[in-house]
């Protein structure tokens, strides 16, 4: 999920619509309500955020360092001022990247993926678990170096499990990562159906079930 912070409703709605077309859930905040949310949000909710986009926040400043205290998700500033001084000031504030507007939504997603790749221990931008290689940039996973195509939501579930490899994640965490924290139109139990289909495909290809599930505790990717 992408969190957009901007004072202008049309900007937040516009980005939410564009991210939605790419199958990426998002949520928009005004700066003052964002500060209250990020300081009090549950850890599970923050772990579901893939990146923060900070736009115009004149009425109430947004601190990248405050965000960093709660989560390691990339923080990107959207700048409408094309000056070196302003860009340097944004970097000094602690953001991971500065993107000048106008910008295509796919470029934003590509920059987010690049930041996450640099943060990953594996310089290839992939997490390898046994014969399975999972990429974090929307690319299909591989099994034995052969592409293993998956529907978008199943692929994103696998990416989220791989990014938390060795740790158990709850159904709520998966739902928030795939559908967004504030999506009330989809039932949380849909995650069970997606995971079931993903497990079946992986089991057929690997010969083992790589997703360990425990009732009330959640899921863990383990081969």
Protein backbone atom coordinates (compact mmCIF):
# COMPACT_ATOMS: atom_id res chain seq x y z
CA UNK A 1 0.00 0.00 0.00
CA UNK A 2 1.16 3.53 -0.83
CA UNK A 3 0.38 6.40 1.54
CA UNK A 4 -0.03 9.82 -0.08
CA UNK A 5 0.24 12.98 2.04
CA UNK A 6 -0.97 16.22 0.47
CA UNK A 7 -3.25 19.09 1.42
CA UNK A 8 -5.17 18.94 -1.86
CA UNK A 9 -7.99 16.44 -2.20
CA UNK A 10 -7.77 16.39 -5.99
CA UNK A 11 -4.09 15.45 -5.80
CA UNK A 12 -4.70 12.61 -3.35
CA UNK A 13 -7.68 11.35 -5.33
CA UNK A 14 -5.75 11.59 -8.58
CA UNK A 15 -2.81 9.55 -7.34
CA UNK A 16 -5.11 7.01 -5.68
CA UNK A 17 -6.90 6.52 -9.00
CA UNK A 18 -3.64 6.09 -10.91
CA UNK A 19 -2.20 3.64 -8.37
CA UNK A 20 -5.49 1.75 -8.50
CA UNK A 21 -5.11 1.29 -12.24
CA UNK A 22 -1.76 -0.36 -11.56
CA UNK A 23 -3.35 -2.63 -8.96
CA UNK A 24 -1.64 -0.90 -6.04
CA UNK A 25 -3.79 0.07 -3.02
CA UNK A 26 -3.29 3.52 -1.54
CA UNK A 27 -4.56 5.87 1.16
CA UNK A 28 -4.51 9.67 1.27
CA UNK A 29 -3.99 11.99 4.25
CA UNK A 30 -3.83 15.70 4.90
CA UNK A 31 -0.63 16.57 6.73
CA UNK A 32 -2.18 17.22 10.15
CA UNK A 33 -4.18 13.99 10.19
CA UNK A 34 -1.19 12.05 8.84
CA UNK A 35 0.98 13.11 11.77
CA UNK A 36 -1.62 11.85 14.21
CA UNK A 37 -2.04 8.59 12.29
CA UNK A 38 1.62 7.70 11.81
CA UNK A 39 2.41 8.30 15.49
CA UNK A 40 -0.46 6.15 16.74
CA UNK A 41 -0.97 3.51 14.02
CA UNK A 42 -0.50 -0.13 14.94
CA UNK A 43 2.79 -1.71 13.88
CA UNK A 44 0.84 -4.16 11.69
CA UNK A 45 -0.68 -1.28 9.74
CA UNK A 46 2.66 0.43 9.19
CA UNK A 47 4.27 -2.82 8.06
CA UNK A 48 1.68 -2.90 5.28
CA UNK A 49 2.88 0.41 3.81
CA UNK A 50 5.18 0.03 0.80
CA UNK A 51 6.13 3.73 0.60
CA UNK A 52 5.13 7.25 1.64
CA UNK A 53 4.68 10.02 -0.94
CA UNK A 54 4.93 13.50 0.56
CA UNK A 55 3.47 16.33 -1.50
CA UNK A 56 2.33 19.82 -0.54
CA UNK A 57 2.10 20.08 3.26
CA UNK A 58 2.32 23.80 4.01
CA UNK A 59 -0.19 23.84 6.86
CA UNK A 60 1.57 21.17 8.89
CA UNK A 61 5.07 19.91 8.13
CA UNK A 62 5.66 16.19 7.71
CA UNK A 63 8.88 14.84 9.17
CA UNK A 64 10.59 12.03 7.29
CA UNK A 65 12.55 11.24 10.41
CA UNK A 66 9.33 10.83 12.39
CA UNK A 67 8.18 8.29 9.80
CA UNK A 68 11.55 6.53 9.99
CA UNK A 69 11.09 6.05 13.73
CA UNK A 70 8.07 3.84 13.01
CA UNK A 71 8.91 2.13 9.71
CA UNK A 72 11.69 1.59 7.18
CA UNK A 73 9.38 2.07 4.20
CA UNK A 74 10.74 4.49 1.55
CA UNK A 75 9.81 8.17 1.97
CA UNK A 76 9.63 10.08 -1.33
CA UNK A 77 9.05 13.80 -1.75
CA UNK A 78 6.99 15.00 -4.71
CA UNK A 79 8.36 18.40 -5.69
CA UNK A 80 6.75 21.07 -7.84
CA UNK A 81 9.72 23.43 -7.45
CA UNK A 82 12.48 22.78 -9.95
CA UNK A 83 15.36 24.31 -8.02
CA UNK A 84 18.52 22.71 -6.72
CA UNK A 85 18.24 24.51 -3.37
CA UNK A 86 14.75 23.13 -2.74
CA UNK A 87 15.76 19.61 -3.79
CA UNK A 88 18.77 19.64 -1.45
CA UNK A 89 16.59 20.90 1.39
CA UNK A 90 14.22 17.97 0.88
CA UNK A 91 17.07 15.47 0.95
CA UNK A 92 18.41 17.12 4.11
CA UNK A 93 14.99 16.55 5.71
CA UNK A 94 15.61 12.80 5.47
CA UNK A 95 13.63 11.65 2.43
CA UNK A 96 14.96 8.77 0.34
CA UNK A 97 14.25 10.37 -3.03
CA UNK A 98 12.88 13.54 -4.61
CA UNK A 99 10.66 13.29 -7.70
CA UNK A 100 9.84 16.33 -9.73
CA UNK A 101 6.30 16.66 -11.04
CA UNK A 102 4.78 15.92 -13.46
CA UNK A 103 5.77 12.26 -13.31
CA UNK A 104 4.26 9.03 -14.59
CA UNK A 105 2.91 6.73 -11.91
CA UNK A 106 5.05 3.86 -13.20
CA UNK A 107 8.19 5.90 -12.64
CA UNK A 108 7.17 6.38 -9.00
CA UNK A 109 6.65 2.64 -8.62
CA UNK A 110 10.01 1.96 -10.31
CA UNK A 111 11.78 4.36 -7.93
CA UNK A 112 10.12 2.73 -4.92
CA UNK A 113 11.26 -0.68 -6.17
CA UNK A 114 14.80 0.66 -6.67
CA UNK A 115 14.98 2.00 -3.12
CA UNK A 116 13.72 -1.30 -1.75
CA UNK A 117 16.27 -3.21 -3.84
CA UNK A 118 19.11 -1.10 -2.49
CA UNK A 119 17.89 -1.74 1.04
CA UNK A 120 17.76 -5.49 0.48
CA UNK A 121 20.77 -7.60 1.36
CA UNK A 122 20.62 -9.36 -1.99
CA UNK A 123 21.92 -6.87 -4.55
CA UNK A 124 19.97 -8.63 -7.29
CA UNK A 125 16.77 -7.28 -5.73
CA UNK A 126 15.50 -10.80 -5.12
CA UNK A 127 14.98 -13.02 -2.11
CA UNK A 128 16.05 -16.62 -2.62
CA UNK A 129 14.42 -19.34 -0.55
CA UNK A 130 15.49 -22.80 -1.65
CA UNK A 131 14.66 -23.24 -5.34
CA UNK A 132 12.39 -20.20 -5.24
CA UNK A 133 13.52 -16.69 -6.19
CA UNK A 134 11.10 -13.86 -5.42
CA UNK A 135 11.54 -10.36 -6.85
CA UNK A 136 10.22 -7.22 -5.15
CA UNK A 137 9.57 -5.11 -8.25
CA UNK A 138 6.51 -6.78 -9.75
CA UNK A 139 8.50 -9.29 -11.79
CA UNK A 140 7.24 -12.86 -11.79
CA UNK A 141 9.06 -15.17 -9.37
CA UNK A 142 11.33 -17.96 -10.59
CA UNK A 143 11.66 -21.61 -9.68
CA UNK A 144 14.93 -23.26 -10.73
CA UNK A 145 15.72 -20.10 -12.76
CA UNK A 146 12.51 -20.52 -14.78
CA UNK A 147 9.79 -17.84 -14.65
CA UNK A 148 6.77 -18.87 -12.58
CA UNK A 149 3.88 -16.59 -13.65
CA UNK A 150 1.27 -15.76 -11.03
CA UNK A 151 -1.85 -13.57 -10.92
CA UNK A 152 -1.08 -10.12 -9.48
CA UNK A 153 -2.54 -10.63 -6.01
CA UNK A 154 -0.96 -14.07 -5.53
CA UNK A 155 2.38 -12.65 -6.66
CA UNK A 156 2.11 -9.78 -4.21
CA UNK A 157 1.23 -12.17 -1.36
CA UNK A 158 4.33 -14.19 -2.21
CA UNK A 159 6.43 -10.99 -2.29
CA UNK A 160 5.13 -9.94 1.12
CA UNK A 161 5.81 -13.37 2.62
CA UNK A 162 9.29 -13.38 1.09
CA UNK A 163 10.07 -9.91 2.44
CA UNK A 164 9.18 -11.28 5.89
CA UNK A 165 10.92 -14.61 5.34
CA UNK A 166 11.29 -16.56 8.56
CA UNK A 167 8.68 -14.45 10.33
CA UNK A 168 5.00 -15.25 10.66
CA UNK A 169 2.53 -12.68 9.28
CA UNK A 170 -1.15 -12.51 10.11
CA UNK A 171 -4.07 -12.62 7.72
CA UNK A 172 -4.74 -8.98 8.56
CA UNK A 173 -1.20 -7.98 7.64
CA UNK A 174 -1.50 -9.73 4.28
CA UNK A 175 -4.88 -8.15 3.62
CA UNK A 176 -3.61 -4.67 4.45
CA UNK A 177 -0.57 -5.10 2.22
CA UNK A 178 -2.62 -6.34 -0.76
CA UNK A 179 -5.86 -4.37 -0.46
CA UNK A 180 -4.93 -1.43 1.75
CA UNK A 181 -5.76 -0.53 5.33
CA UNK A 182 -8.97 1.30 4.57
CA UNK A 183 -10.60 -0.94 1.96
CA UNK A 184 -14.02 -1.82 3.36
CA UNK A 185 -15.45 -3.22 0.12
CA UNK A 186 -13.48 -6.49 0.26
CA UNK A 187 -13.81 -9.10 3.00
CA UNK A 188 -10.58 -10.00 4.79
CA UNK A 189 -11.30 -13.71 4.32
CA UNK A 190 -10.55 -13.35 0.60
CA UNK A 191 -6.87 -13.68 1.61
CA UNK A 192 -7.48 -17.32 2.56
CA UNK A 193 -8.66 -18.06 -0.99
CA UNK A 194 -5.63 -16.33 -2.56
CA UNK A 195 -3.20 -18.12 -0.25
CA UNK A 196 -4.87 -21.49 -0.92
CA UNK A 197 -4.48 -21.05 -4.69
CA UNK A 198 -0.88 -19.89 -4.29
CA UNK A 199 0.01 -22.85 -2.05
CA UNK A 200 -1.47 -25.31 -4.53
CA UNK A 201 0.57 -23.91 -7.43
CA UNK A 202 3.79 -23.81 -5.43
CA UNK A 203 3.24 -27.33 -4.09
CA UNK A 204 2.70 -28.69 -7.61
CA UNK A 205 5.91 -27.08 -8.83
CA UNK A 206 8.15 -27.60 -5.80
CA UNK A 207 6.81 -30.89 -4.52
CA UNK A 208 6.47 -29.41 -1.04
CA UNK A 209 4.16 -26.87 0.61
CA UNK A 210 6.34 -23.78 1.21
CA UNK A 211 3.75 -21.82 3.17
CA UNK A 212 3.38 -22.84 6.79
CA UNK A 213 0.09 -21.72 8.31
CA UNK A 214 -1.04 -21.75 11.93
CA UNK A 215 -4.58 -20.95 12.98
CA UNK A 216 -4.75 -17.54 14.70
CA UNK A 217 -1.00 -17.03 14.17
CA UNK A 218 -0.80 -16.55 10.41
CA UNK A 219 1.50 -17.57 7.59
CA UNK A 220 5.23 -18.05 7.10
CA UNK A 221 7.25 -18.81 3.97
CA UNK A 222 9.63 -21.65 4.73
CA UNK A 223 11.33 -24.15 2.44
